[in-house]
C-alpha atoms as a PDB file:
ATOM      1  CA  MET A   1      75.887 -29.625  30.903  1.00  0.00           C
ATOM      2  CA  LYS A   2      76.898 -25.988  31.298  1.00  0.00           C
ATOM      3  CA  GLN A   3      78.811 -24.030  28.670  1.00  0.00           C
ATOM      4  CA  ILE A   4      81.867 -22.356  30.206  1.00  0.00           C
ATOM      5  CA  THR A   5      83.703 -21.001  27.144  1.00  0.00           C
ATOM      6  CA  PRO A   6      82.917 -21.173  23.399  1.00  0.00           C
ATOM      7  CA  HIS A   7      84.124 -24.786  23.118  1.00  0.00           C
ATOM      8  CA  LEU A   8      84.194 -26.078  26.723  1.00  0.00           C
ATOM      9  CA  TYR A   9      81.308 -27.516  28.756  1.00  0.00           C
ATOM     10  CA  GLN A  10      81.144 -28.584  32.401  1.00  0.00           C
ATOM     11  CA  ILE A  11      79.336 -31.831  33.166  1.00  0.00           C
ATOM     12  CA  SER A  12      78.252 -31.630  36.805  1.00  0.00           C
ATOM     13  CA  LEU A  13      78.064 -35.097  38.387  1.00  0.00           C
ATOM     14  CA  GLY A  14      77.205 -34.212  41.957  1.00  0.00           C
ATOM     15  CA  ALA A  15      80.425 -34.149  43.950  1.00  0.00           C
ATOM     16  CA  VAL A  16      82.688 -34.126  40.899  1.00  0.00           C
ATOM     17  CA  ASN A  17      82.840 -32.502  37.459  1.00  0.00           C
ATOM     18  CA  ALA A  18      83.833 -33.858  34.085  1.00  0.00           C
ATOM     19  CA  PHE A  19      84.334 -31.619  31.060  1.00  0.00           C
ATOM     20  CA  LEU A  20      83.693 -31.774  27.333  1.00  0.00           C
ATOM     21  CA  ILE A  21      85.498 -29.937  24.540  1.00  0.00           C
ATOM     22  CA  ASP A  22      83.553 -29.637  21.296  1.00  0.00           C
ATOM     23  CA  ASP A  23      86.084 -28.828  18.595  1.00  0.00           C
ATOM     24  CA  ASP A  24      86.786 -31.175  15.659  1.00  0.00           C
ATOM     25  CA  GLY A  25      84.983 -33.994  17.456  1.00  0.00           C
ATOM     26  CA  LEU A  26      84.388 -34.370  21.173  1.00  0.00           C
ATOM     27  CA  THR A  27      87.050 -34.683  23.869  1.00  0.00           C
ATOM     28  CA  LEU A  28      86.038 -35.778  27.370  1.00  0.00           C
ATOM     29  CA  ILE A  29      88.116 -34.765  30.376  1.00  0.00           C
ATOM     30  CA  ASP A  30      87.848 -37.259  33.254  1.00  0.00           C
ATOM     31  CA  ALA A  31      85.204 -39.932  33.693  1.00  0.00           C
ATOM     32  CA  GLY A  32      83.507 -39.616  37.088  1.00  0.00           C
ATOM     33  CA  TYR A  33      82.858 -42.321  39.669  1.00  0.00           C
ATOM     34  CA  PRO A  34      82.152 -45.960  38.801  1.00  0.00           C
ATOM     35  CA  GLY A  35      78.652 -46.362  37.401  1.00  0.00           C
ATOM     36  CA  TYR A  36      78.483 -42.828  35.975  1.00  0.00           C
ATOM     37  CA  VAL A  37      78.571 -43.641  32.258  1.00  0.00           C
ATOM     38  CA  ASP A  38      74.849 -43.093  31.751  1.00  0.00           C
ATOM     39  CA  LYS A  39      74.960 -39.837  33.728  1.00  0.00           C
ATOM     40  CA  ILE A  40      77.788 -38.551  31.560  1.00  0.00           C
ATOM     41  CA  PHE A  41      76.244 -39.650  28.273  1.00  0.00           C
ATOM     42  CA  ASP A  42      72.764 -38.382  29.218  1.00  0.00           C
ATOM     43  CA  ALA A  43      74.206 -34.963  30.097  1.00  0.00           C
ATOM     44  CA  ILE A  44      76.021 -34.801  26.766  1.00  0.00           C
ATOM     45  CA  GLN A  45      72.889 -35.780  24.858  1.00  0.00           C
ATOM     46  CA  LYS A  46      70.748 -33.247  26.728  1.00  0.00           C
ATOM     47  CA  GLY A  47      73.345 -30.649  25.767  1.00  0.00           C
ATOM     48  CA  GLY A  48      72.705 -31.428  22.116  1.00  0.00           C
ATOM     49  CA  LYS A  49      75.887 -33.451  21.524  1.00  0.00           C
ATOM     50  CA  ASP A  50      76.378 -37.053  20.472  1.00  0.00           C
ATOM     51  CA  PRO A  51      78.535 -39.022  22.967  1.00  0.00           C
ATOM     52  CA  SER A  52      79.402 -41.542  20.267  1.00  0.00           C
ATOM     53  CA  GLN A  53      81.539 -38.744  18.778  1.00  0.00           C
ATOM     54  CA  ILE A  54      83.935 -38.725  21.747  1.00  0.00           C
ATOM     55  CA  LYS A  55      87.366 -39.345  20.235  1.00  0.00           C
ATOM     56  CA  ASN A  56      89.658 -38.710  23.197  1.00  0.00           C
ATOM     57  CA  ILE A  57      89.489 -38.931  26.984  1.00  0.00           C
ATOM     58  CA  LEU A  58      92.036 -36.824  28.847  1.00  0.00           C
ATOM     59  CA  ILE A  59      92.665 -37.893  32.443  1.00  0.00           C
ATOM     60  CA  THR A  60      93.846 -35.337  35.004  1.00  0.00           C
ATOM     61  CA  HIS A  61      94.662 -38.052  37.560  1.00  0.00           C
ATOM     62  CA  ALA A  62      93.760 -41.580  38.567  1.00  0.00           C
ATOM     63  CA  HIS A  63      91.490 -41.115  41.595  1.00  0.00           C
ATOM     64  CA  PRO A  64      88.192 -43.055  41.637  1.00  0.00           C
ATOM     65  CA  ASP A  65      86.015 -39.973  41.106  1.00  0.00           C
ATOM     66  CA  HIS A  66      87.937 -39.155  37.921  1.00  0.00           C
ATOM     67  CA  VAL A  67      88.546 -42.593  36.348  1.00  0.00           C
ATOM     68  CA  GLY A  68      85.772 -44.713  37.850  1.00  0.00           C
ATOM     69  CA  SER A  69      83.773 -45.009  34.612  1.00  0.00           C
ATOM     70  CA  LEU A  70      86.731 -44.852  32.241  1.00  0.00           C
ATOM     71  CA  ALA A  71      86.867 -48.577  31.470  1.00  0.00           C
ATOM     72  CA  ALA A  72      83.102 -48.736  30.942  1.00  0.00           C
ATOM     73  CA  ILE A  73      83.240 -45.916  28.371  1.00  0.00           C
ATOM     74  CA  ALA A  74      86.143 -47.594  26.583  1.00  0.00           C
ATOM     75  CA  GLN A  75      84.101 -50.808  26.404  1.00  0.00           C
ATOM     76  CA  ARG A  76      81.228 -48.974  24.715  1.00  0.00           C
ATOM     77  CA  GLN A  77      83.225 -47.288  21.994  1.00  0.00           C
ATOM     78  CA  SER A  78      86.684 -46.719  20.603  1.00  0.00           C
ATOM     79  CA  VAL A  79      88.452 -43.831  22.359  1.00  0.00           C
ATOM     80  CA  GLU A  80      92.031 -42.637  22.834  1.00  0.00           C
ATOM     81  CA  ILE A  81      92.785 -42.501  26.566  1.00  0.00           C
ATOM     82  CA  ILE A  82      95.529 -40.052  27.513  1.00  0.00           C
ATOM     83  CA  ALA A  83      97.216 -39.760  30.938  1.00  0.00           C
ATOM     84  CA  HIS A  84     100.540 -39.085  32.647  1.00  0.00           C
ATOM     85  CA  PRO A  85     102.822 -42.163  33.006  1.00  0.00           C
ATOM     86  CA  GLU A  86     102.704 -42.083  36.842  1.00  0.00           C
ATOM     87  CA  ASP A  87      98.928 -42.421  36.957  1.00  0.00           C
ATOM     88  CA  ALA A  88      98.569 -44.414  33.724  1.00  0.00           C
ATOM     89  CA  GLU A  89     100.221 -47.276  35.576  1.00  0.00           C
ATOM     90  CA  MET A  90      97.531 -47.103  38.255  1.00  0.00           C
ATOM     91  CA  ILE A  91      94.720 -47.005  35.684  1.00  0.00           C
ATOM     92  CA  GLU A  92      96.059 -50.106  33.980  1.00  0.00           C
ATOM     93  CA  LYS A  93      96.341 -51.955  37.308  1.00  0.00           C
ATOM     94  CA  GLY A  94      92.864 -50.884  38.432  1.00  0.00           C
ATOM     95  CA  TYR A  95      94.053 -49.163  41.598  1.00  0.00           C
ATOM     96  CA  ALA A  96      93.087 -45.541  42.017  1.00  0.00           C
ATOM     97  CA  LEU A  97      94.502 -44.301  45.323  1.00  0.00           C
ATOM     98  CA  ARG A  98      97.997 -44.285  46.799  1.00  0.00           C
ATOM     99  CA  LYS A  99      98.113 -45.074  50.498  1.00  0.00           C
ATOM    100  CA  HIS A 100     100.117 -42.035  51.617  1.00  0.00           C
ATOM    101  CA  LEU A 101      97.327 -39.497  51.022  1.00  0.00           C
ATOM    102  CA  LYS A 102      96.952 -36.930  53.796  1.00  0.00           C
ATOM    103  CA  PRO A 103      94.248 -34.303  54.348  1.00  0.00           C
ATOM    104  CA  ALA A 104      94.949 -30.651  53.630  1.00  0.00           C
ATOM    105  CA  PRO A 105      95.951 -28.674  56.755  1.00  0.00           C
ATOM    106  CA  ALA A 106      92.625 -27.719  58.321  1.00  0.00           C
ATOM    107  CA  LEU A 107      90.047 -29.525  60.467  1.00  0.00           C
ATOM    108  CA  PHE A 108      87.424 -29.308  57.708  1.00  0.00           C
ATOM    109  CA  TYR A 109      89.600 -31.347  55.330  1.00  0.00           C
ATOM    110  CA  LYS A 110      90.328 -33.962  57.995  1.00  0.00           C
ATOM    111  CA  ILE A 111      86.594 -34.417  58.554  1.00  0.00           C
ATOM    112  CA  MET A 112      85.891 -34.609  54.812  1.00  0.00           C
ATOM    113  CA  THR A 113      88.686 -37.157  54.361  1.00  0.00           C
ATOM    114  CA  GLY A 114      87.185 -39.349  57.068  1.00  0.00           C
ATOM    115  CA  LEU A 115      83.727 -39.147  55.525  1.00  0.00           C
ATOM    116  CA  PHE A 116      84.522 -39.660  51.860  1.00  0.00           C
ATOM    117  CA  LEU A 117      87.919 -41.280  51.429  1.00  0.00           C
ATOM    118  CA  ASN A 118      88.736 -44.916  52.039  1.00  0.00           C
ATOM    119  CA  VAL A 119      92.164 -45.738  50.670  1.00  0.00           C
ATOM    120  CA  ASP A 120      91.556 -49.457  51.116  1.00  0.00           C
ATOM    121  CA  LYS A 121      88.651 -49.233  48.646  1.00  0.00           C
ATOM    122  CA  GLY A 122      90.536 -47.491  45.871  1.00  0.00           C
ATOM    123  CA  GLU A 123      89.949 -50.179  43.283  1.00  0.00           C
ATOM    124  CA  VAL A 124      88.387 -49.392  39.893  1.00  0.00           C
ATOM    125  CA  GLU A 125      87.995 -51.421  36.720  1.00  0.00           C
ATOM    126  CA  ALA A 126      91.337 -51.482  34.922  1.00  0.00           C
ATOM    127  CA  CYS A 127      91.724 -50.314  31.345  1.00  0.00           C
ATOM    128  CA  GLN A 128      94.456 -49.625  28.830  1.00  0.00           C
ATOM    129  CA  VAL A 129      95.919 -46.134  28.474  1.00  0.00           C
ATOM    130  CA  ASN A 130      96.675 -45.465  24.818  1.00  0.00           C
ATOM    131  CA  GLN A 131      98.984 -42.471  25.175  1.00  0.00           C
ATOM    132  CA  ARG A 132     101.270 -41.331  27.971  1.00  0.00           C
ATOM    133  CA  VAL A 133     102.039 -37.610  28.059  1.00  0.00           C
ATOM    134  CA  ASN A 134     104.510 -35.468  29.966  1.00  0.00           C
ATOM    135  CA  ASP A 135     104.981 -31.856  31.010  1.00  0.00           C
ATOM    136  CA  GLY A 136     105.046 -29.500  28.038  1.00  0.00           C
ATOM    137  CA  ASP A 137     103.586 -31.921  25.512  1.00  0.00           C
ATOM    138  CA  ILE A 138     101.137 -30.342  23.064  1.00  0.00           C
ATOM    139  CA  LEU A 139      98.164 -32.523  22.173  1.00  0.00           C
ATOM    140  CA  PRO A 140      96.928 -32.020  18.588  1.00  0.00           C
ATOM    141  CA  ILE A 141      93.376 -31.605  19.854  1.00  0.00           C
ATOM    142  CA  ALA A 142      91.147 -28.526  19.556  1.00  0.00           C
ATOM    143  CA  GLY A 143      93.910 -26.345  18.136  1.00  0.00           C
ATOM    144  CA  GLY A 144      96.519 -27.498  20.655  1.00  0.00           C
ATOM    145  CA  ILE A 145      96.178 -28.429  24.332  1.00  0.00           C
ATOM    146  CA  GLU A 146      99.291 -28.162  26.498  1.00  0.00           C
ATOM    147  CA  VAL A 147     100.004 -30.687  29.237  1.00  0.00           C
ATOM    148  CA  ILE A 148     101.139 -29.216  32.575  1.00  0.00           C
ATOM    149  CA  HIS A 149     102.482 -31.749  35.075  1.00  0.00           C
ATOM    150  CA  THR A 150     101.119 -30.633  38.453  1.00  0.00           C
ATOM    151  CA  PRO A 151     101.997 -33.293  41.060  1.00  0.00           C
ATOM    152  CA  GLY A 152     101.072 -33.077  44.716  1.00  0.00           C
ATOM    153  CA  HIS A 153      97.459 -34.188  44.850  1.00  0.00           C
ATOM    154  CA  SER A 154      98.628 -37.194  42.831  1.00  0.00           C
ATOM    155  CA  ALA A 155     102.091 -37.958  41.456  1.00  0.00           C
ATOM    156  CA  GLY A 156     100.769 -38.154  37.907  1.00  0.00           C
ATOM    157  CA  HIS A 157      98.354 -35.237  38.124  1.00  0.00           C
ATOM    158  CA  ILE A 158      98.232 -33.085  35.015  1.00  0.00           C
ATOM    159  CA  ALA A 159      96.334 -29.922  34.167  1.00  0.00           C
ATOM    160  CA  PHE A 160      95.445 -29.005  30.596  1.00  0.00           C
ATOM    161  CA  LEU A 161      95.855 -25.568  29.031  1.00  0.00           C
ATOM    162  CA  PHE A 162      93.179 -25.199  26.339  1.00  0.00           C
ATOM    163  CA  LYS A 163      94.806 -22.344  24.497  1.00  0.00           C
ATOM    164  CA  LYS A 164      92.053 -21.537  22.008  1.00  0.00           C
ATOM    165  CA  ASP A 165      89.631 -20.618  24.813  1.00  0.00           C
ATOM    166  CA  ARG A 166      92.318 -19.406  27.268  1.00  0.00           C
ATOM    167  CA  VAL A 167      91.161 -21.839  29.937  1.00  0.00           C
ATOM    168  CA  LEU A 168      93.005 -24.025  32.442  1.00  0.00           C
ATOM    169  CA  ILE A 169      91.407 -27.398  33.101  1.00  0.00           C
ATOM    170  CA  ALA A 170      92.873 -27.654  36.584  1.00  0.00           C
ATOM    171  CA  GLY A 171      91.683 -31.035  37.816  1.00  0.00           C
ATOM    172  CA  ASP A 172      92.259 -31.289  41.568  1.00  0.00           C
ATOM    173  CA  ILE A 173      95.264 -29.026  42.077  1.00  0.00           C
ATOM    174  CA  CYS A 174      92.751 -27.135  44.230  1.00  0.00           C
ATOM    175  CA  GLY A 175      88.983 -26.664  44.310  1.00  0.00           C
ATOM    176  CA  ASN A 176      86.367 -23.916  44.205  1.00  0.00           C
ATOM    177  CA  VAL A 177      83.488 -25.389  46.229  1.00  0.00           C
ATOM    178  CA  MET A 178      82.942 -22.810  48.973  1.00  0.00           C
ATOM    179  CA  GLY A 179      85.338 -20.343  47.461  1.00  0.00           C
ATOM    180  CA  LEU A 180      88.810 -21.078  46.185  1.00  0.00           C
ATOM    181  CA  GLY A 181      90.553 -23.544  48.501  1.00  0.00           C
ATOM    182  CA  TYR A 182      92.605 -26.687  48.896  1.00  0.00           C
ATOM    183  CA  SER A 183      91.814 -30.089  47.515  1.00  0.00           C
ATOM    184  CA  ILE A 184      90.719 -32.390  50.325  1.00  0.00           C
ATOM    185  CA  VAL A 185      93.875 -34.531  50.192  1.00  0.00           C
ATOM    186  CA  TYR A 186      97.425 -34.433  48.878  1.00  0.00           C
ATOM    187  CA  GLU A 187     100.136 -37.030  48.483  1.00  0.00           C
ATOM    188  CA  ASP A 188     102.600 -34.165  48.958  1.00  0.00           C
ATOM    189  CA  TYR A 189     101.074 -30.899  50.167  1.00  0.00           C
ATOM    190  CA  ASP A 190     104.142 -28.684  49.643  1.00  0.00           C
ATOM    191  CA  LEU A 191     104.617 -30.011  46.122  1.00  0.00           C
ATOM    192  CA  GLY A 192     100.916 -29.450  45.493  1.00  0.00           C
ATOM    193  CA  MET A 193     101.199 -25.776  46.455  1.00  0.00           C
ATOM    194  CA  ARG A 194     104.149 -25.341  44.092  1.00  0.00           C
ATOM    195  CA  SER A 195     102.148 -26.996  41.334  1.00  0.00           C
ATOM    196  CA  ILE A 196      99.307 -24.507  41.777  1.00  0.00           C
ATOM    197  CA  LEU A 197     101.710 -21.610  41.274  1.00  0.00           C
ATOM    198  CA  LYS A 198     103.306 -23.388  38.320  1.00  0.00           C
ATOM    199  CA  ALA A 199      99.890 -23.688  36.655  1.00  0.00           C
ATOM    200  CA  ALA A 200      99.026 -20.094  37.569  1.00  0.00           C
ATOM    201  CA  SER A 201     102.109 -18.842  35.708  1.00  0.00           C
ATOM    202  CA  TYR A 202     100.508 -19.748  32.364  1.00  0.00           C
ATOM    203  CA  ASP A 203      98.363 -17.414  30.298  1.00  0.00           C
ATOM    204  CA  PHE A 204      94.666 -18.127  30.847  1.00  0.00           C
ATOM    205  CA  ASP A 205      91.603 -16.210  31.921  1.00  0.00           C
ATOM    206  CA  THR A 206      89.246 -19.009  33.012  1.00  0.00           C
ATOM    207  CA  ALA A 207      89.916 -22.033  35.231  1.00  0.00           C
ATOM    208  CA  VAL A 208      87.691 -25.053  35.810  1.00  0.00           C
ATOM    209  CA  PHE A 209      88.063 -27.640  38.571  1.00  0.00           C
ATOM    210  CA  GLY A 210      87.158 -31.214  39.350  1.00  0.00           C
ATOM    211  CA  HIS A 211      85.201 -29.917  42.325  1.00  0.00           C
ATOM    212  CA  GLY A 212      83.265 -26.665  42.422  1.00  0.00           C
ATOM    213  CA  LYS A 213      82.571 -23.736  40.161  1.00  0.00           C
ATOM    214  CA  ALA A 214      84.611 -22.210  37.365  1.00  0.00           C
ATOM    215  CA  LEU A 215      86.645 -19.048  37.851  1.00  0.00           C
ATOM    216  CA  MET A 216      85.559 -17.008  34.867  1.00  0.00           C
ATOM    217  CA  THR A 217      87.899 -13.996  34.838  1.00  0.00           C
ATOM    218  CA  GLN A 218      91.550 -13.383  35.758  1.00  0.00           C
ATOM    219  CA  ALA A 219      91.755 -16.926  37.069  1.00  0.00           C
ATOM    220  CA  ASN A 220      95.549 -17.148  36.869  1.00  0.00           C
ATOM    221  CA  ASN A 221      95.918 -14.024  39.024  1.00  0.00           C
ATOM    222  CA  LYS A 222      93.337 -15.288  41.520  1.00  0.00           C
ATOM    223  CA  LEU A 223      95.208 -18.562  41.937  1.00  0.00           C
ATOM    224  CA  LYS A 224      98.472 -16.711  42.512  1.00  0.00           C
ATOM    225  CA  ALA A 225      96.905 -14.365  45.061  1.00  0.00           C
ATOM    226  CA  LYS A 226      95.274 -17.208  46.990  1.00  0.00           C
ATOM    227  CA  PHE A 227      98.162 -19.656  47.161  1.00  0.00           C
ATOM    228  CA  GLU A 228     101.480 -17.801  46.740  1.00  0.00           C
ATOM    229  CA  LYS A 229     101.881 -17.411  50.515  1.00  0.00           C
ATOM    230  CA  LYS A 230     101.376 -21.170  50.995  1.00  0.00           C
ATOM    231  CA  VAL A 231     104.583 -22.054  49.161  1.00  0.00           C
ATOM    232  CA  LYS A 232     107.636 -22.641  51.332  1.00  0.00           C
ATOM    233  CA  SER A 233     110.692 -20.755  50.145  1.00  0.00           C
END
């Protein structure tokens, strides 16, 4: 578990990241692949925190690498699960991929999609979402976390603006694996590009992603510079 800002930690789970906010109790963001509960809890414990103190789980979107272990965590302890209505419905049905996903526009992403994504195997264990949130909602967590609806990668994708630490928890609007770049797939690529610029219009200095490294300084400006030419007028 790596500390990113005074209250935010990145939990690296191989191909995907989860995050932990330590402020008036613990808040987990996303829940990794199925079978990752022990990995997540062990990382939290090694970081000197007690996973039994997790009060809330914020979900950026309902893909298997982000909600795979959600039900298993909820079975271990009482937590408040928070997601956007579009993807909350998927979580509660136990289906974690929509069939109209398409790779981002480059050969690399087509290859990665073929290797790692099987839409027909998008099932996860279903669980109840306790709270549905929409664009502009302020969660009374850690001094106030703003919900930013950022569809494209997934219809119910949301990013979280953690105002106290001036950080955007960006989910999969894009990634920063081998430099700042696309997510592998989008349900709607053009909408996804507009969502990146929407998120980049907010006031933050650091951005963290479901895949790859954090952008530690001037992250909003770096997102604008990278993606503003990708948006169709």
